[in-house]
Amino acid sequence: MPKLPGIGQKDAVRVLQKRGFRVMREGKYITRSNGAVMVQVPGHSVINAYTMGYIAKVAGLTPGQFRELL
């Protein structure tokens, strides 16, 4: 699993927003969708590296592409 260590919730949400994901729900998790894919971002200050890798994969991004959008 690709690792993206040390990325916080706000950074992850900002990257998804750049990729066209819009907020669907907010609570403990922020659910974002681009119409075809739904991604849930946990409300942690720092997200686990494996979780962040999975979020990037579901959003259709490689770890390198995700880092470029930060």
Protein backbone atom coordinates (compact mmCIF):
# COMPACT_ATOMS: atom_id res chain seq x y z
CA MET A 1 0.00 0.00 0.00
CA PRO A 2 1.43 3.41 -0.91
CA LYS A 3 2.31 5.63 2.03
CA LEU A 4 1.48 9.31 2.38
CA PRO A 5 2.61 10.08 5.94
CA GLY A 6 1.89 13.20 7.93
CA ILE A 7 -1.06 14.52 5.93
CA GLY A 8 -3.86 16.16 7.88
CA GLN A 9 -7.57 16.26 7.20
CA LYS A 10 -7.52 19.83 5.87
CA ASP A 11 -4.77 19.01 3.35
CA ALA A 12 -6.57 15.87 2.17
CA VAL A 13 -9.85 17.76 1.75
CA ARG A 14 -8.08 20.54 -0.19
CA VAL A 15 -6.55 18.01 -2.63
CA LEU A 16 -9.91 16.35 -3.21
CA GLN A 17 -11.52 19.75 -3.78
CA LYS A 18 -8.91 20.51 -6.46
CA ARG A 19 -9.90 17.23 -8.16
CA GLY A 20 -13.58 18.24 -8.28
CA PHE A 21 -14.91 16.43 -5.19
CA ARG A 22 -17.76 18.26 -3.44
CA VAL A 23 -18.93 17.92 0.17
CA MET A 24 -21.84 15.52 0.60
CA ARG A 25 -21.86 15.16 4.42
CA GLU A 26 -19.83 16.37 7.38
CA GLY A 27 -19.50 14.77 10.79
CA LYS A 28 -16.79 12.54 12.22
CA TYR A 29 -15.93 11.89 8.60
CA ILE A 30 -16.17 14.29 5.67
CA THR A 31 -17.81 12.54 2.73
CA ARG A 32 -16.95 14.00 -0.66
CA SER A 33 -18.12 12.95 -4.11
CA ASN A 34 -17.35 13.82 -7.70
CA GLY A 35 -20.55 12.25 -8.98
CA ALA A 36 -19.06 8.83 -9.66
CA VAL A 37 -16.91 8.14 -6.61
CA MET A 38 -17.51 8.81 -2.91
CA VAL A 39 -14.52 9.29 -0.58
CA GLN A 40 -14.64 9.52 3.21
CA VAL A 41 -11.91 11.49 4.99
CA PRO A 42 -11.61 10.89 8.74
CA GLY A 43 -11.67 13.91 11.03
CA HIS A 44 -8.20 13.33 12.50
CA SER A 45 -5.55 16.03 12.72
CA VAL A 46 -3.04 13.59 11.15
CA ILE A 47 -4.35 10.72 9.04
CA ASN A 48 -2.69 7.27 9.17
CA ALA A 49 -0.38 6.70 6.18
CA TYR A 50 -2.20 3.54 5.05
CA THR A 51 -5.58 5.24 5.30
CA MET A 52 -4.29 8.19 3.30
CA GLY A 53 -2.95 5.83 0.62
CA TYR A 54 -6.35 4.18 0.39
CA ILE A 55 -8.11 7.56 0.10
CA ALA A 56 -5.77 8.55 -2.75
CA LYS A 57 -6.37 5.20 -4.49
CA VAL A 58 -10.18 5.51 -4.26
CA ALA A 59 -9.95 9.08 -5.59
CA GLY A 60 -8.02 7.77 -8.61
CA LEU A 61 -4.67 9.31 -7.68
CA THR A 62 -1.20 7.88 -7.25
CA PRO A 63 0.80 8.97 -4.19
CA GLY A 64 2.97 11.15 -6.44
CA GLN A 65 -0.03 12.89 -7.97
CA PHE A 66 -1.50 13.41 -4.51
CA ARG A 67 1.73 15.03 -3.25
CA GLU A 68 1.87 17.34 -6.28
CA LEU A 69 -1.60 18.68 -5.48
CA LEU A 70 -0.71 19.47 -1.84
